[in-house]
Amino acid sequence: MITNQSVPTDVVLPHLTYRDVGAAAEWLGRVFGFQEHYRYGGGSPSGVQMRLAKAWIMVNAASDRRRSPAEVGSGTQSLTVFVEDVEAHYARAKATGAQIVEELHETEYGELQYAALDLDGHHWLFSRHARDVAPQEWGARVAPSPV
């Protein structure tokens, strides 16, 4: 197997579109704690790969084919990132400018989480497992295992 130092091979790597990649990378680092892995492009970067714990994201520049939620006028997806100290993460995000759209709370399915919007309107959930709850206990139907 070939290893690749640019892209982690065992994670989903969402590509998020922002109007200003440099400003987005700075904001995501300051508010949510993401760390930059690399960036590319001229003086104004066109892409930045970042990570927070085991979560990886690619921050891309808006173009004729890609728009941010702020440009479109509605949400395009929601991302969940698991963090150990979700309480401290929540306090940091709230204190540094994230728009909190769901206060920190425990869900019926056993997650302690909160939701926030970033500077371009991307919806983020930050979560920690609080207790083990079987999906059937809160009304979900589990698909049969493939044999």
Protein backbone atom coordinates (compact mmCIF):
# COMPACT_ATOMS: atom_id res chain seq x y z
CA MET A 1 0.00 0.00 0.00
CA ILE A 2 1.26 3.46 -0.88
CA THR A 3 1.25 5.99 1.97
CA ASN A 4 0.39 9.60 1.28
CA GLN A 5 1.56 12.39 3.58
CA SER A 6 -0.88 14.88 2.03
CA VAL A 7 -4.20 13.11 2.58
CA PRO A 8 -5.09 10.82 5.48
CA THR A 9 -6.35 7.50 4.12
CA ASP A 10 -8.65 6.33 6.90
CA VAL A 11 -10.98 9.31 7.26
CA VAL A 12 -13.63 11.13 5.26
CA LEU A 13 -12.13 14.43 4.12
CA PRO A 14 -14.93 16.95 3.55
CA HIS A 15 -14.14 19.90 1.31
CA LEU A 16 -15.76 23.11 2.58
CA THR A 17 -16.11 26.24 0.46
CA TYR A 18 -15.34 29.68 1.86
CA ARG A 19 -15.30 33.16 0.33
CA ASP A 20 -11.88 33.89 1.89
CA VAL A 21 -9.77 30.77 2.56
CA GLY A 22 -7.13 32.59 4.61
CA ALA A 23 -9.70 34.25 6.86
CA ALA A 24 -11.59 30.95 7.21
CA ALA A 25 -8.44 29.03 8.22
CA GLU A 26 -7.58 31.69 10.81
CA TRP A 27 -11.16 31.68 12.18
CA LEU A 28 -11.42 27.88 12.31
CA GLY A 29 -8.14 27.76 14.22
CA ARG A 30 -8.95 30.55 16.66
CA VAL A 31 -12.58 29.65 17.36
CA PHE A 32 -12.81 25.86 16.89
CA GLY A 33 -9.16 24.91 17.49
CA PHE A 34 -8.37 23.42 14.08
CA GLN A 35 -4.66 23.22 13.21
CA GLU A 36 -3.29 23.83 9.76
CA HIS A 37 -1.56 20.90 8.07
CA TYR A 38 -0.71 22.63 4.79
CA ARG A 39 -1.88 25.35 2.42
CA TYR A 40 -1.48 25.98 -1.29
CA GLY A 41 -2.04 28.79 -3.77
CA GLY A 42 -0.42 32.18 -4.16
CA GLY A 43 -0.59 35.10 -1.73
CA SER A 44 -4.23 34.36 -1.00
CA PRO A 45 -4.46 30.60 -0.46
CA SER A 46 -6.86 28.59 -2.59
CA GLY A 47 -6.82 25.62 -0.22
CA VAL A 48 -5.89 24.75 3.36
CA GLN A 49 -5.99 21.29 4.93
CA MET A 50 -6.73 21.36 8.67
CA ARG A 51 -7.37 18.95 11.53
CA LEU A 52 -8.88 18.82 14.99
CA ALA A 53 -8.03 15.60 16.85
CA LYS A 54 -8.91 12.88 14.30
CA ALA A 55 -11.16 15.11 12.18
CA TRP A 56 -9.71 16.44 8.92
CA ILE A 57 -11.17 19.10 6.62
CA MET A 58 -10.16 20.78 3.39
CA VAL A 59 -10.94 24.51 3.17
CA ASN A 60 -11.42 25.55 -0.48
CA ALA A 61 -12.01 28.85 -2.22
CA ALA A 62 -15.39 29.70 -3.70
CA SER A 63 -15.54 29.60 -7.49
CA ASP A 64 -18.05 29.59 -10.33
CA ARG A 65 -18.81 25.95 -9.45
CA ARG A 66 -18.63 26.11 -5.63
CA ARG A 67 -20.33 28.47 -3.21
CA SER A 68 -20.37 28.82 0.56
CA PRO A 69 -23.63 28.63 2.54
CA ALA A 70 -23.38 32.42 3.03
CA GLU A 71 -23.34 32.91 -0.76
CA VAL A 72 -26.10 30.37 -1.44
CA GLY A 73 -28.29 31.65 1.38
CA SER A 74 -28.90 28.26 3.01
CA GLY A 75 -27.07 25.41 4.67
CA THR A 76 -25.36 22.85 2.51
CA GLN A 77 -24.39 20.19 5.09
CA SER A 78 -23.71 19.59 8.75
CA LEU A 79 -20.43 18.26 10.13
CA THR A 80 -20.01 16.43 13.44
CA VAL A 81 -16.62 16.47 15.15
CA PHE A 82 -16.01 14.44 18.30
CA VAL A 83 -13.92 16.20 20.96
CA GLU A 84 -13.03 14.91 24.43
CA ASP A 85 -13.67 18.11 26.37
CA VAL A 86 -16.78 19.34 24.59
CA GLU A 87 -17.62 21.64 27.52
CA ALA A 88 -14.35 23.58 27.14
CA HIS A 89 -14.73 23.54 23.35
CA TYR A 90 -18.22 25.03 23.69
CA ALA A 91 -16.97 27.75 26.05
CA ARG A 92 -14.13 28.65 23.67
CA ALA A 93 -16.36 28.76 20.60
CA LYS A 94 -18.96 30.89 22.36
CA ALA A 95 -16.35 33.30 23.75
CA THR A 96 -14.55 33.75 20.43
CA GLY A 97 -17.41 34.47 18.06
CA ALA A 98 -19.12 31.32 16.87
CA GLN A 99 -22.84 31.72 16.37
CA ILE A 100 -24.26 29.09 18.74
CA VAL A 101 -27.44 27.65 17.22
CA GLU A 102 -27.90 24.77 19.66
CA GLU A 103 -26.77 25.10 23.27
CA LEU A 104 -24.70 22.36 24.93
CA HIS A 105 -27.06 19.53 25.90
CA GLU A 106 -27.33 15.76 26.13
CA THR A 107 -29.28 14.16 23.30
CA GLU A 108 -31.72 11.26 23.56
CA TYR A 109 -29.13 9.10 21.81
CA GLY A 110 -26.46 9.75 24.45
CA GLU A 111 -24.30 12.54 23.00
CA LEU A 112 -23.28 15.71 24.83
CA GLN A 113 -23.17 18.24 22.01
CA TYR A 114 -23.71 21.76 20.76
CA ALA A 115 -24.13 23.28 17.31
CA ALA A 116 -22.60 26.41 15.84
CA LEU A 117 -22.33 28.26 12.54
CA ASP A 118 -18.96 29.46 11.32
CA LEU A 119 -18.13 32.74 9.57
CA ASP A 120 -19.50 31.49 6.22
CA GLY A 121 -22.56 29.68 7.54
CA HIS A 122 -21.31 26.07 7.71
CA HIS A 123 -23.19 24.10 10.39
CA TRP A 124 -20.98 22.31 12.93
CA LEU A 125 -21.87 19.86 15.71
CA PHE A 126 -19.23 19.22 18.36
CA SER A 127 -19.94 16.15 20.44
CA ARG A 128 -18.72 13.68 23.02
CA HIS A 129 -20.24 10.31 23.87
CA ALA A 130 -21.96 10.79 27.23
CA ARG A 131 -23.68 7.42 27.66
CA ASP A 132 -24.30 4.26 25.70
CA VAL A 133 -27.85 4.10 24.33
CA ALA A 134 -29.06 1.42 21.93
CA PRO A 135 -30.63 2.97 18.80
CA GLN A 136 -33.87 1.07 19.44
CA GLU A 137 -34.21 2.82 22.83
CA TRP A 138 -34.78 6.19 21.17
CA GLY A 139 -36.81 5.00 18.20
CA ALA A 140 -34.28 4.15 15.50
CA ARG A 141 -34.47 0.98 13.44
CA VAL A 142 -31.18 -0.83 12.97
CA ALA A 143 -30.59 -2.32 9.52
CA PRO A 144 -29.81 -6.04 9.40
CA SER A 145 -26.12 -6.87 9.20
CA PRO A 146 -24.98 -7.99 5.75
CA VAL A 147 -23.90 -11.61 5.74
